[in-house]
C-alpha atoms as a PDB file:
ATOM      1  CA  MET A   1     262.505 -48.728 -12.191  1.00  0.00           C
ATOM      2  CA  ALA A   2     260.603 -51.758 -10.881  1.00  0.00           C
ATOM      3  CA  PHE A   3     258.733 -51.961  -7.587  1.00  0.00           C
ATOM      4  CA  THR A   4     260.877 -54.531  -5.740  1.00  0.00           C
ATOM      5  CA  GLU A   5     260.557 -56.304  -2.410  1.00  0.00           C
ATOM      6  CA  THR A   6     263.421 -54.182  -1.079  1.00  0.00           C
ATOM      7  CA  ASP A   7     261.516 -51.004  -2.001  1.00  0.00           C
ATOM      8  CA  LEU A   8     258.487 -52.258  -0.151  1.00  0.00           C
ATOM      9  CA  GLU A   9     260.538 -53.100   2.947  1.00  0.00           C
ATOM     10  CA  ARG A  10     262.088 -49.628   2.931  1.00  0.00           C
ATOM     11  CA  PHE A  11     258.676 -48.051   2.592  1.00  0.00           C
ATOM     12  CA  LEU A  12     257.248 -50.085   5.480  1.00  0.00           C
ATOM     13  CA  GLU A  13     260.240 -49.196   7.670  1.00  0.00           C
ATOM     14  CA  GLN A  14     259.516 -45.527   7.109  1.00  0.00           C
ATOM     15  CA  ILE A  15     255.875 -46.031   8.084  1.00  0.00           C
ATOM     16  CA  GLU A  16     256.982 -47.809  11.278  1.00  0.00           C
ATOM     17  CA  GLY A  17     259.343 -44.940  11.953  1.00  0.00           C
ATOM     18  CA  ILE A  18     256.465 -42.456  11.748  1.00  0.00           C
ATOM     19  CA  SER A  19     254.351 -44.353  14.232  1.00  0.00           C
ATOM     20  CA  GLY A  20     257.204 -44.481  16.733  1.00  0.00           C
ATOM     21  CA  LYS A  21     258.223 -40.804  16.633  1.00  0.00           C
ATOM     22  CA  GLN A  22     256.970 -38.418  19.246  1.00  0.00           C
ATOM     23  CA  ASP A  23     258.829 -35.275  18.180  1.00  0.00           C
ATOM     24  CA  PRO A  24     256.487 -33.217  15.935  1.00  0.00           C
ATOM     25  CA  HIS A  25     259.293 -31.942  13.689  1.00  0.00           C
ATOM     26  CA  ALA A  26     260.773 -35.411  13.190  1.00  0.00           C
ATOM     27  CA  TRP A  27     257.305 -36.804  12.573  1.00  0.00           C
ATOM     28  CA  THR A  28     256.578 -34.181   9.880  1.00  0.00           C
ATOM     29  CA  THR A  29     259.929 -34.834   8.189  1.00  0.00           C
ATOM     30  CA  LEU A  30     259.346 -38.568   8.090  1.00  0.00           C
ATOM     31  CA  VAL A  31     255.850 -38.124   6.673  1.00  0.00           C
ATOM     32  CA  GLY A  32     257.294 -35.994   3.875  1.00  0.00           C
ATOM     33  CA  ASP A  33     260.070 -38.495   3.149  1.00  0.00           C
ATOM     34  CA  THR A  34     257.613 -41.401   3.143  1.00  0.00           C
ATOM     35  CA  TRP A  35     255.334 -39.568   0.715  1.00  0.00           C
ATOM     36  CA  LYS A  36     258.288 -38.944  -1.614  1.00  0.00           C
ATOM     37  CA  THR A  37     259.209 -42.628  -1.421  1.00  0.00           C
ATOM     38  CA  LEU A  38     255.662 -43.647  -2.350  1.00  0.00           C
ATOM     39  CA  GLN A  39     255.607 -41.214  -5.264  1.00  0.00           C
ATOM     40  CA  GLU A  40     258.882 -42.608  -6.565  1.00  0.00           C
ATOM     41  CA  LEU A  41     257.608 -46.163  -6.347  1.00  0.00           C
ATOM     42  CA  ILE A  42     254.396 -45.293  -8.177  1.00  0.00           C
ATOM     43  CA  ARG A  43     256.165 -43.299 -10.886  1.00  0.00           C
ATOM     44  CA  GLY A  44     258.543 -46.184 -11.391  1.00  0.00           C
ATOM     45  CA  GLU A  45     255.671 -48.386 -12.504  1.00  0.00           C
ATOM     46  CA  PHE A  46     254.575 -46.045 -15.325  1.00  0.00           C
ATOM     47  CA  ILE A  47     256.147 -46.160 -18.748  1.00  0.00           C
ATOM     48  CA  GLU A  48     256.636 -42.970 -20.747  1.00  0.00           C
ATOM     49  CA  THR A  49     255.375 -43.031 -24.316  1.00  0.00           C
ATOM     50  CA  ASP A  50     255.469 -40.655 -27.262  1.00  0.00           C
ATOM     51  CA  ILE A  51     251.661 -40.320 -27.349  1.00  0.00           C
ATOM     52  CA  ILE A  52     250.621 -36.670 -27.148  1.00  0.00           C
ATOM     53  CA  ILE A  53     247.302 -35.523 -25.704  1.00  0.00           C
ATOM     54  CA  TYR A  54     245.924 -32.538 -27.612  1.00  0.00           C
ATOM     55  CA  ALA A  55     243.225 -30.097 -26.536  1.00  0.00           C
ATOM     56  CA  THR A  56     241.024 -27.977 -28.780  1.00  0.00           C
ATOM     57  CA  TYR A  57     238.060 -25.616 -28.448  1.00  0.00           C
ATOM     58  CA  ASN A  58     237.374 -25.819 -32.178  1.00  0.00           C
ATOM     59  CA  TYR A  59     234.857 -28.662 -32.264  1.00  0.00           C
ATOM     60  CA  ASP A  60     234.547 -28.385 -36.047  1.00  0.00           C
ATOM     61  CA  LEU A  61     237.943 -30.105 -36.273  1.00  0.00           C
ATOM     62  CA  LEU A  62     236.258 -33.277 -35.044  1.00  0.00           C
ATOM     63  CA  GLN A  63     234.919 -34.794 -38.240  1.00  0.00           C
ATOM     64  CA  VAL A  64     232.233 -37.475 -38.611  1.00  0.00           C
ATOM     65  CA  LEU A  65     233.649 -40.814 -39.716  1.00  0.00           C
ATOM     66  CA  VAL A  66     231.871 -42.463 -42.661  1.00  0.00           C
ATOM     67  CA  GLY A  67     230.146 -45.593 -41.376  1.00  0.00           C
ATOM     68  CA  GLN A  68     229.880 -44.301 -37.809  1.00  0.00           C
ATOM     69  CA  ARG A  69     226.566 -44.895 -36.025  1.00  0.00           C
ATOM     70  CA  ASP A  70     224.121 -41.973 -35.734  1.00  0.00           C
ATOM     71  CA  VAL A  71     224.373 -39.707 -32.730  1.00  0.00           C
ATOM     72  CA  ASP A  72     221.811 -40.561 -30.054  1.00  0.00           C
ATOM     73  CA  GLU A  73     220.531 -37.159 -28.908  1.00  0.00           C
ATOM     74  CA  SER A  74     219.053 -38.602 -25.698  1.00  0.00           C
ATOM     75  CA  HIS A  75     222.541 -39.832 -24.762  1.00  0.00           C
ATOM     76  CA  VAL A  76     223.974 -36.412 -25.599  1.00  0.00           C
ATOM     77  CA  ASP A  77     221.356 -34.862 -23.283  1.00  0.00           C
ATOM     78  CA  LYS A  78     222.509 -37.185 -20.510  1.00  0.00           C
ATOM     79  CA  ILE A  79     226.162 -36.216 -21.011  1.00  0.00           C
ATOM     80  CA  ILE A  80     225.293 -32.517 -20.976  1.00  0.00           C
ATOM     81  CA  LYS A  81     223.317 -32.919 -17.765  1.00  0.00           C
ATOM     82  CA  ASN A  82     226.181 -34.692 -16.027  1.00  0.00           C
ATOM     83  CA  VAL A  83     228.807 -32.252 -17.302  1.00  0.00           C
ATOM     84  CA  LEU A  84     226.811 -29.241 -16.082  1.00  0.00           C
ATOM     85  CA  LYS A  85     225.921 -30.904 -12.779  1.00  0.00           C
ATOM     86  CA  LYS A  86     229.311 -32.301 -11.831  1.00  0.00           C
ATOM     87  CA  TRP A  87     231.355 -29.961 -13.984  1.00  0.00           C
ATOM     88  CA  TYR A  88     233.922 -31.205 -16.411  1.00  0.00           C
ATOM     89  CA  ARG A  89     235.974 -34.346 -16.049  1.00  0.00           C
ATOM     90  CA  PHE A  90     239.196 -34.958 -17.974  1.00  0.00           C
ATOM     91  CA  GLN A  91     238.370 -37.575 -20.611  1.00  0.00           C
ATOM     92  CA  VAL A  92     240.398 -38.305 -23.712  1.00  0.00           C
ATOM     93  CA  GLY A  93     238.868 -39.235 -27.061  1.00  0.00           C
ATOM     94  CA  GLN A  94     240.424 -40.687 -30.195  1.00  0.00           C
ATOM     95  CA  VAL A  95     240.587 -39.365 -33.758  1.00  0.00           C
ATOM     96  CA  ASN A  96     242.546 -40.498 -36.807  1.00  0.00           C
ATOM     97  CA  GLN A  97     245.010 -38.319 -38.708  1.00  0.00           C
ATOM     98  CA  ALA A  98     242.149 -36.818 -40.740  1.00  0.00           C
ATOM     99  CA  GLY A  99     240.375 -35.657 -37.583  1.00  0.00           C
ATOM    100  CA  GLU A 100     237.602 -38.240 -37.963  1.00  0.00           C
ATOM    101  CA  VAL A 101     236.218 -39.252 -34.584  1.00  0.00           C
ATOM    102  CA  ILE A 102     236.902 -42.843 -33.565  1.00  0.00           C
ATOM    103  CA  ASP A 103     235.836 -42.629 -29.940  1.00  0.00           C
ATOM    104  CA  MET A 104     233.978 -39.598 -28.480  1.00  0.00           C
ATOM    105  CA  GLN A 105     231.308 -38.626 -31.010  1.00  0.00           C
ATOM    106  CA  HIS A 106     228.647 -38.153 -28.301  1.00  0.00           C
ATOM    107  CA  ARG A 107     231.016 -36.200 -26.047  1.00  0.00           C
ATOM    108  CA  ALA A 108     231.999 -34.016 -28.996  1.00  0.00           C
ATOM    109  CA  ALA A 109     228.317 -33.324 -29.763  1.00  0.00           C
ATOM    110  CA  ALA A 110     227.718 -32.523 -26.089  1.00  0.00           C
ATOM    111  CA  LEU A 111     230.636 -30.074 -25.907  1.00  0.00           C
ATOM    112  CA  LYS A 112     229.389 -28.314 -29.030  1.00  0.00           C
ATOM    113  CA  ARG A 113     225.847 -27.968 -27.673  1.00  0.00           C
ATOM    114  CA  ILE A 114     227.108 -26.733 -24.302  1.00  0.00           C
ATOM    115  CA  SER A 115     229.067 -24.054 -26.150  1.00  0.00           C
ATOM    116  CA  GLU A 116     226.041 -23.022 -28.215  1.00  0.00           C
ATOM    117  CA  GLU A 117     223.282 -23.318 -25.601  1.00  0.00           C
ATOM    118  CA  HIS A 118     225.120 -22.314 -22.418  1.00  0.00           C
ATOM    119  CA  GLU A 119     227.998 -20.234 -23.838  1.00  0.00           C
ATOM    120  CA  ILE A 120     230.519 -22.370 -21.983  1.00  0.00           C
ATOM    121  CA  LYS A 121     233.547 -23.581 -23.916  1.00  0.00           C
ATOM    122  CA  LEU A 122     235.242 -26.689 -22.587  1.00  0.00           C
ATOM    123  CA  PRO A 123     238.303 -28.308 -24.153  1.00  0.00           C
ATOM    124  CA  ALA A 124     238.007 -31.506 -26.145  1.00  0.00           C
ATOM    125  CA  PHE A 125     240.993 -33.685 -25.235  1.00  0.00           C
ATOM    126  CA  ILE A 126     242.115 -36.084 -27.954  1.00  0.00           C
ATOM    127  CA  VAL A 127     244.874 -38.414 -29.027  1.00  0.00           C
ATOM    128  CA  ILE A 128     245.593 -39.117 -32.687  1.00  0.00           C
ATOM    129  CA  VAL A 129     245.521 -42.772 -33.730  1.00  0.00           C
ATOM    130  CA  PRO A 130     246.961 -43.032 -37.259  1.00  0.00           C
ATOM    131  CA  ASP A 131     245.033 -45.129 -39.791  1.00  0.00           C
ATOM    132  CA  ALA A 132     242.158 -45.795 -37.365  1.00  0.00           C
ATOM    133  CA  GLY A 133     238.814 -46.373 -39.079  1.00  0.00           C
ATOM    134  CA  ARG A 134     235.371 -47.932 -38.897  1.00  0.00           C
ATOM    135  CA  ASP A 135     236.652 -51.364 -37.800  1.00  0.00           C
ATOM    136  CA  ASP A 136     238.294 -49.754 -34.771  1.00  0.00           C
ATOM    137  CA  VAL A 137     235.031 -48.014 -33.899  1.00  0.00           C
ATOM    138  CA  VAL A 138     233.146 -51.311 -34.019  1.00  0.00           C
ATOM    139  CA  THR A 139     235.795 -53.039 -31.896  1.00  0.00           C
ATOM    140  CA  LEU A 140     235.876 -50.282 -29.263  1.00  0.00           C
ATOM    141  CA  ASN A 141     232.105 -50.278 -28.857  1.00  0.00           C
ATOM    142  CA  SER A 142     231.798 -54.062 -28.997  1.00  0.00           C
ATOM    143  CA  VAL A 143     234.241 -54.741 -26.157  1.00  0.00           C
ATOM    144  CA  SER A 144     233.203 -51.871 -23.883  1.00  0.00           C
ATOM    145  CA  LEU A 145     231.141 -52.802 -20.815  1.00  0.00           C
ATOM    146  CA  THR A 146     228.428 -50.313 -19.937  1.00  0.00           C
ATOM    147  CA  TRP A 147     227.657 -49.986 -16.254  1.00  0.00           C
ATOM    148  CA  GLN A 148     224.423 -51.716 -15.352  1.00  0.00           C
ATOM    149  CA  SER A 149     222.327 -51.566 -12.212  1.00  0.00           C
ATOM    150  CA  LYS A 150     224.313 -54.356 -10.557  1.00  0.00           C
ATOM    151  CA  HIS A 151     227.555 -52.437 -11.096  1.00  0.00           C
ATOM    152  CA  PHE A 152     226.202 -49.305  -9.412  1.00  0.00           C
ATOM    153  CA  LEU A 153     224.957 -51.491  -6.590  1.00  0.00           C
ATOM    154  CA  GLN A 154     228.349 -53.159  -6.140  1.00  0.00           C
ATOM    155  CA  SER A 155     230.112 -49.813  -6.247  1.00  0.00           C
ATOM    156  CA  TRP A 156     228.029 -48.080  -3.575  1.00  0.00           C
ATOM    157  CA  MET A 157     228.040 -51.157  -1.324  1.00  0.00           C
ATOM    158  CA  ASN A 158     231.746 -50.367  -0.901  1.00  0.00           C
ATOM    159  CA  SER A 159     231.133 -46.699  -0.110  1.00  0.00           C
ATOM    160  CA  GLU A 160     233.094 -45.154   2.736  1.00  0.00           C
ATOM    161  CA  LYS A 161     229.831 -43.636   3.951  1.00  0.00           C
ATOM    162  CA  LYS A 162     228.275 -46.144   6.320  1.00  0.00           C
ATOM    163  CA  GLU A 163     224.663 -45.157   5.627  1.00  0.00           C
ATOM    164  CA  VAL A 164     225.200 -45.480   1.863  1.00  0.00           C
ATOM    165  CA  SER A 165     226.948 -48.832   2.180  1.00  0.00           C
ATOM    166  CA  GLU A 166     224.266 -50.235   4.492  1.00  0.00           C
ATOM    167  CA  THR A 167     221.413 -49.060   2.262  1.00  0.00           C
ATOM    168  CA  TYR A 168     222.808 -50.556  -0.940  1.00  0.00           C
ATOM    169  CA  SER A 169     223.837 -53.740   0.881  1.00  0.00           C
ATOM    170  CA  MET A 170     220.235 -54.147   2.063  1.00  0.00           C
ATOM    171  CA  VAL A 171     218.942 -53.881  -1.512  1.00  0.00           C
ATOM    172  CA  SER A 172     221.607 -56.324  -2.701  1.00  0.00           C
ATOM    173  CA  LYS A 173     220.568 -58.853  -0.045  1.00  0.00           C
ATOM    174  CA  LEU A 174     216.925 -58.511  -1.073  1.00  0.00           C
ATOM    175  CA  ILE A 175     217.839 -59.225  -4.710  1.00  0.00           C
ATOM    176  CA  GLY A 176     219.994 -62.184  -3.699  1.00  0.00           C
ATOM    177  CA  ASP A 177     217.460 -63.698  -1.302  1.00  0.00           C
ATOM    178  CA  TYR A 178     214.747 -63.802  -3.967  1.00  0.00           C
ATOM    179  CA  ASN A 179     217.116 -64.327  -6.918  1.00  0.00           C
ATOM    180  CA  LEU A 180     215.490 -61.556  -8.947  1.00  0.00           C
ATOM    181  CA  PRO A 181     216.835 -59.295 -11.732  1.00  0.00           C
ATOM    182  CA  HIS A 182     218.475 -56.110 -10.443  1.00  0.00           C
ATOM    183  CA  ASP A 183     216.588 -53.815 -12.822  1.00  0.00           C
ATOM    184  CA  LEU A 184     213.216 -55.274 -11.863  1.00  0.00           C
ATOM    185  CA  VAL A 185     213.682 -54.760  -8.118  1.00  0.00           C
ATOM    186  CA  ILE A 186     215.141 -51.265  -8.467  1.00  0.00           C
ATOM    187  CA  THR A 187     212.344 -50.203 -10.820  1.00  0.00           C
ATOM    188  CA  MET A 188     209.699 -51.551  -8.454  1.00  0.00           C
ATOM    189  CA  ILE A 189     211.235 -49.745  -5.509  1.00  0.00           C
ATOM    190  CA  GLY A 190     210.944 -46.503  -7.455  1.00  0.00           C
ATOM    191  CA  GLN A 191     207.413 -47.165  -8.699  1.00  0.00           C
ATOM    192  CA  ARG A 192     206.061 -47.781  -5.206  1.00  0.00           C
ATOM    193  CA  GLN A 193     207.443 -44.436  -4.006  1.00  0.00           C
ATOM    194  CA  TRP A 194     209.369 -46.005  -1.170  1.00  0.00           C
ATOM    195  CA  ILE A 195     212.428 -44.050  -2.199  1.00  0.00           C
ATOM    196  CA  TRP A 196     213.227 -40.970  -4.225  1.00  0.00           C
ATOM    197  CA  LEU A 197     214.183 -42.349  -7.610  1.00  0.00           C
ATOM    198  CA  ALA A 198     213.784 -39.640 -10.227  1.00  0.00           C
ATOM    199  CA  ARG A 199     214.531 -41.458 -13.489  1.00  0.00           C
ATOM    200  CA  ARG A 200     216.893 -43.735 -11.569  1.00  0.00           C
ATOM    201  CA  ASP A 201     219.471 -40.947 -11.147  1.00  0.00           C
ATOM    202  CA  GLY A 202     219.031 -41.171  -7.398  1.00  0.00           C
ATOM    203  CA  PHE A 203     220.045 -44.818  -7.432  1.00  0.00           C
ATOM    204  CA  LYS A 204     223.093 -44.249  -9.618  1.00  0.00           C
ATOM    205  CA  ASN A 205     224.272 -41.252  -7.591  1.00  0.00           C
ATOM    206  CA  TRP A 206     224.128 -43.004  -4.172  1.00  0.00           C
ATOM    207  CA  GLN A 207     220.998 -41.080  -3.128  1.00  0.00           C
ATOM    208  CA  LEU A 208     218.970 -44.208  -2.433  1.00  0.00           C
ATOM    209  CA  THR A 209     216.935 -43.908   0.783  1.00  0.00           C
ATOM    210  CA  TYR A 210     215.688 -47.418   1.404  1.00  0.00           C
ATOM    211  CA  THR A 211     214.771 -48.170   5.028  1.00  0.00           C
ATOM    212  CA  LYS A 212     214.282 -51.397   6.990  1.00  0.00           C
ATOM    213  CA  SER A 213     210.554 -50.701   6.956  1.00  0.00           C
ATOM    214  CA  ASP A 214     210.632 -50.420   3.169  1.00  0.00           C
ATOM    215  CA  ASP A 215     212.573 -53.660   2.972  1.00  0.00           C
ATOM    216  CA  LYS A 216     210.067 -55.491   5.169  1.00  0.00           C
ATOM    217  CA  GLU A 217     207.134 -54.305   3.074  1.00  0.00           C
ATOM    218  CA  LEU A 218     208.775 -55.234  -0.209  1.00  0.00           C
ATOM    219  CA  ARG A 219     209.698 -58.690   1.117  1.00  0.00           C
ATOM    220  CA  THR A 220     206.061 -59.223   2.107  1.00  0.00           C
ATOM    221  CA  TYR A 221     205.074 -58.293  -1.440  1.00  0.00           C
ATOM    222  CA  PHE A 222     207.513 -60.754  -3.012  1.00  0.00           C
ATOM    223  CA  ASP A 223     206.454 -63.512  -0.600  1.00  0.00           C
ATOM    224  CA  THR A 224     202.871 -63.012  -1.757  1.00  0.00           C
ATOM    225  CA  VAL A 225     203.821 -63.032  -5.438  1.00  0.00           C
ATOM    226  CA  PHE A 226     205.810 -66.224  -4.996  1.00  0.00           C
ATOM    227  CA  ARG A 227     202.839 -67.869  -3.241  1.00  0.00           C
ATOM    228  CA  ILE A 228     200.459 -66.931  -6.048  1.00  0.00           C
ATOM    229  CA  ASN A 229     202.938 -68.120  -8.648  1.00  0.00           C
ATOM    230  CA  THR A 230     203.301 -71.502  -6.919  1.00  0.00           C
ATOM    231  CA  LEU A 231     199.540 -71.817  -6.585  1.00  0.00           C
ATOM    232  CA  ILE A 232     198.841 -71.124 -10.260  1.00  0.00           C
ATOM    233  CA  PHE A 233     201.904 -72.342 -12.131  1.00  0.00           C
ATOM    234  CA  LYS A 234     203.226 -74.942  -9.675  1.00  0.00           C
ATOM    235  CA  SER A 235     206.702 -73.401  -9.908  1.00  0.00           C
ATOM    236  CA  ASN A 236     208.847 -71.654  -7.311  1.00  0.00           C
ATOM    237  CA  LYS A 237     210.247 -68.885  -9.507  1.00  0.00           C
ATOM    238  CA  PRO A 238     207.877 -66.264 -10.984  1.00  0.00           C
ATOM    239  CA  THR A 239     208.784 -64.631 -14.266  1.00  0.00           C
ATOM    240  CA  THR A 240     209.578 -60.938 -14.522  1.00  0.00           C
ATOM    241  CA  ARG A 241     206.338 -60.457 -16.480  1.00  0.00           C
ATOM    242  CA  PHE A 242     204.284 -62.117 -13.757  1.00  0.00           C
ATOM    243  CA  ILE A 243     205.892 -59.983 -11.019  1.00  0.00           C
ATOM    244  CA  SER A 244     205.213 -56.834 -13.042  1.00  0.00           C
ATOM    245  CA  ALA A 245     201.590 -57.910 -13.579  1.00  0.00           C
ATOM    246  CA  CYS A 246     201.128 -58.511  -9.844  1.00  0.00           C
ATOM    247  CA  ASN A 247     202.571 -55.087  -9.144  1.00  0.00           C
ATOM    248  CA  VAL A 248     199.627 -53.580 -11.026  1.00  0.00           C
ATOM    249  CA  LEU A 249     197.149 -56.155  -9.717  1.00  0.00           C
ATOM    250  CA  PHE A 250     197.885 -55.345  -6.066  1.00  0.00           C
ATOM    251  CA  ALA A 251     197.428 -51.622  -6.706  1.00  0.00           C
ATOM    252  CA  GLN A 252     193.753 -52.032  -7.622  1.00  0.00           C
ATOM    253  CA  GLU A 253     191.321 -50.472  -5.162  1.00  0.00           C
ATOM    254  CA  TRP A 254     189.248 -53.586  -4.426  1.00  0.00           C
ATOM    255  CA  PHE A 255     191.980 -56.191  -4.638  1.00  0.00           C
ATOM    256  CA  ASP A 256     191.755 -58.748  -1.812  1.00  0.00           C
ATOM    257  CA  PHE A 257     194.403 -61.467  -1.733  1.00  0.00           C
ATOM    258  CA  SER A 258     192.146 -63.971   0.089  1.00  0.00           C
ATOM    259  CA  GLN A 259     189.437 -63.484  -2.528  1.00  0.00           C
ATOM    260  CA  PHE A 260     191.975 -64.060  -5.277  1.00  0.00           C
ATOM    261  CA  ILE A 261     193.022 -67.351  -3.631  1.00  0.00           C
ATOM    262  CA  ASP A 262     189.361 -68.416  -3.442  1.00  0.00           C
ATOM    263  CA  ARG A 263     188.899 -67.730  -7.144  1.00  0.00           C
ATOM    264  CA  VAL A 264     192.007 -69.763  -7.994  1.00  0.00           C
ATOM    265  CA  ASN A 265     190.832 -72.775  -5.968  1.00  0.00           C
ATOM    266  CA  VAL A 266     187.408 -73.065  -7.608  1.00  0.00           C
ATOM    267  CA  SER A 267     186.745 -74.378 -11.092  1.00  0.00           C
ATOM    268  CA  ASN A 268     187.850 -71.259 -12.925  1.00  0.00           C
ATOM    269  CA  PRO A 269     188.427 -71.332 -16.710  1.00  0.00           C
ATOM    270  CA  HIS A 270     190.550 -68.193 -16.529  1.00  0.00           C
ATOM    271  CA  VAL A 271     193.084 -69.984 -14.330  1.00  0.00           C
ATOM    272  CA  ASP A 272     193.611 -72.663 -16.988  1.00  0.00           C
ATOM    273  CA  GLU A 273     194.004 -69.995 -19.636  1.00  0.00           C
ATOM    274  CA  LEU A 274     196.503 -68.154 -17.457  1.00  0.00           C
ATOM    275  CA  ARG A 275     198.595 -71.300 -17.035  1.00  0.00           C
ATOM    276  CA  TRP A 276     198.723 -71.826 -20.774  1.00  0.00           C
ATOM    277  CA  LEU A 277     199.493 -68.199 -21.545  1.00  0.00           C
ATOM    278  CA  SER A 278     202.124 -67.548 -18.875  1.00  0.00           C
ATOM    279  CA  TYR A 279     204.598 -66.585 -21.588  1.00  0.00           C
ATOM    280  CA  GLN A 280     202.450 -63.631 -22.614  1.00  0.00           C
ATOM    281  CA  SER A 281     203.185 -59.987 -21.821  1.00  0.00           C
ATOM    282  CA  ALA A 282     202.740 -58.514 -18.359  1.00  0.00           C
ATOM    283  CA  GLU A 283     199.677 -56.673 -19.673  1.00  0.00           C
ATOM    284  CA  ARG A 284     197.996 -59.908 -20.808  1.00  0.00           C
ATOM    285  CA  ILE A 285     198.924 -61.733 -17.609  1.00  0.00           C
ATOM    286  CA  TYR A 286     197.395 -58.897 -15.573  1.00  0.00           C
ATOM    287  CA  GLU A 287     194.173 -59.009 -17.592  1.00  0.00           C
ATOM    288  CA  LEU A 288     193.862 -62.767 -17.041  1.00  0.00           C
ATOM    289  CA  CYS A 289     194.602 -62.411 -13.315  1.00  0.00           C
ATOM    290  CA  ALA A 290     191.901 -59.764 -13.097  1.00  0.00           C
ATOM    291  CA  GLN A 291     189.455 -62.114 -14.846  1.00  0.00           C
ATOM    292  CA  VAL A 292     190.355 -64.854 -12.364  1.00  0.00           C
ATOM    293  CA  TYR A 293     189.669 -62.433  -9.521  1.00  0.00           C
ATOM    294  CA  ASN A 294     186.352 -61.182 -10.962  1.00  0.00           C
ATOM    295  CA  TYR A 295     185.039 -64.661 -11.837  1.00  0.00           C
ATOM    296  CA  ARG A 296     181.438 -64.965 -10.538  1.00  0.00           C
ATOM    297  CA  SER A 297     181.859 -61.779  -8.536  1.00  0.00           C
ATOM    298  CA  ARG A 298     179.265 -59.014  -8.822  1.00  0.00           C
ATOM    299  CA  ASN A 299     180.681 -56.547  -6.311  1.00  0.00           C
ATOM    300  CA  ASN A 300     184.128 -55.018  -5.761  1.00  0.00           C
ATOM    301  CA  ARG A 301     185.351 -56.042  -9.172  1.00  0.00           C
ATOM    302  CA  ILE A 302     188.757 -54.745 -10.256  1.00  0.00           C
ATOM    303  CA  SER A 303     189.646 -53.317 -13.645  1.00  0.00           C
ATOM    304  CA  GLU A 304     190.363 -55.970 -16.257  1.00  0.00           C
ATOM    305  CA  SER A 305     192.057 -53.495 -18.576  1.00  0.00           C
ATOM    306  CA  TRP A 306     195.774 -52.798 -18.184  1.00  0.00           C
ATOM    307  CA  LYS A 307     195.270 -49.362 -19.751  1.00  0.00           C
ATOM    308  CA  THR A 308     192.689 -48.225 -17.202  1.00  0.00           C
ATOM    309  CA  ALA A 309     194.080 -50.122 -14.191  1.00  0.00           C
ATOM    310  CA  LYS A 310     195.567 -48.112 -11.372  1.00  0.00           C
ATOM    311  CA  LYS A 311     199.371 -48.203 -11.369  1.00  0.00           C
ATOM    312  CA  TRP A 312     201.882 -47.557  -8.608  1.00  0.00           C
ATOM    313  CA  THR A 313     202.854 -43.917  -9.159  1.00  0.00           C
END
């Protein structure tokens, strides 16, 4: 059965009929009929196949495929945490006819550990893919797209909850206005304790609490970083390493932006070195910035060591 224009017209007519009915009984009947019509249309678009989904509690049936990558225990820990927190979600894995796992090795390891450590047995749902092997594993993992920060941001911007949508939209606008990497901005928001961001789970689970005041303060920070970058490197776009270095620089107890500008404008050998070494790590850039700041200064000097410098915590 195909979803035709006639089907759509009939469906819309039923919806119009509901809106025009005042009698409660007739209204209820039409709602039920319309729902049945929608179900029929949806079912008509699915094709039945002979693929069978199996379920097992015997995790030993799931064999390790020769040539498969090693299990990442930290990823297994993450799966276990999510399974126990949100309970179990129906997810189907793939094995070949020998029971060798093609797709679900980390989920299988997680289910086994949950059974052993928490005494909770959850079914492993699988389909059998005959003759599947290592090449299929490589292909599956090569073409899969892991969700990144920008994907979580896009998802929660479309949330039905207004406060969630507005919060994530505000972060997205900040990233767009300054043309900065998503991960960098989100990490900095967490480091500065402007939001609750325990290991980024809060961001991924729509628990971001980012206010207009937070946004204003962070924009002031980026404006300052961009000004320093233009002053030193004569370019409008700071690197991620330079932004990270400034994040530590600004956290130092005696740091004074006006004093830093003064040190940049005088004949300062550390400034020249900084310009030449801008490709270095954030740690090295911070150390050079600190040397620029401390040049010919006896009092209120800031730490020149990345290891001992105060960080945003």
